[in-house]
Structure formats: C-alpha cells, structure tokens
C-alpha atoms as a PDB file:
ATOM      1  CA  MET A   1      -1.985 114.666  50.840  1.00  0.00           C
ATOM      2  CA  SER A   2       1.411 114.697  49.194  1.00  0.00           C
ATOM      3  CA  VAL A   3       2.237 113.495  45.696  1.00  0.00           C
ATOM      4  CA  SER A   4       4.676 110.914  47.047  1.00  0.00           C
ATOM      5  CA  TYR A   5       1.907 109.480  49.231  1.00  0.00           C
ATOM      6  CA  LEU A   6      -0.447 109.182  46.272  1.00  0.00           C
ATOM      7  CA  ALA A   7       2.259 107.466  44.214  1.00  0.00           C
ATOM      8  CA  PHE A   8       2.881 105.113  47.127  1.00  0.00           C
ATOM      9  CA  ARG A   9      -0.800 104.209  47.324  1.00  0.00           C
ATOM     10  CA  MET A  10      -1.021 103.703  43.574  1.00  0.00           C
ATOM     11  CA  SER A  11       1.952 101.337  43.611  1.00  0.00           C
ATOM     12  CA  LEU A  12       0.356  99.346  46.439  1.00  0.00           C
ATOM     13  CA  ASN A  13      -2.939  99.103  44.560  1.00  0.00           C
ATOM     14  CA  VAL A  14      -1.138  97.857  41.440  1.00  0.00           C
ATOM     15  CA  GLN A  15       0.665  95.181  43.450  1.00  0.00           C
ATOM     16  CA  VAL A  16      -2.618  94.041  45.051  1.00  0.00           C
ATOM     17  CA  VAL A  17      -4.391  93.834  41.697  1.00  0.00           C
ATOM     18  CA  LYS A  18      -1.518  91.851  40.182  1.00  0.00           C
ATOM     19  CA  SER A  19      -1.475  89.420  43.104  1.00  0.00           C
ATOM     20  CA  ILE A  20      -5.256  88.900  42.852  1.00  0.00           C
ATOM     21  CA  CYS A  21      -5.404  88.517  39.072  1.00  0.00           C
END
C-alpha cells in the first residue's frame, strides 16, 4: 500500500460520512 492510496481512501471515507450525516 502506498501513502497516496491511503490518503485517497481517507478522503473518500470523509466524503461518504459527510454525505450520510
């Protein structure tokens, strides 16, 4: 796993949480 991939996943998770909340 690369750092850029982890950052990409984190950003996606944040967007999902914001859309749900």
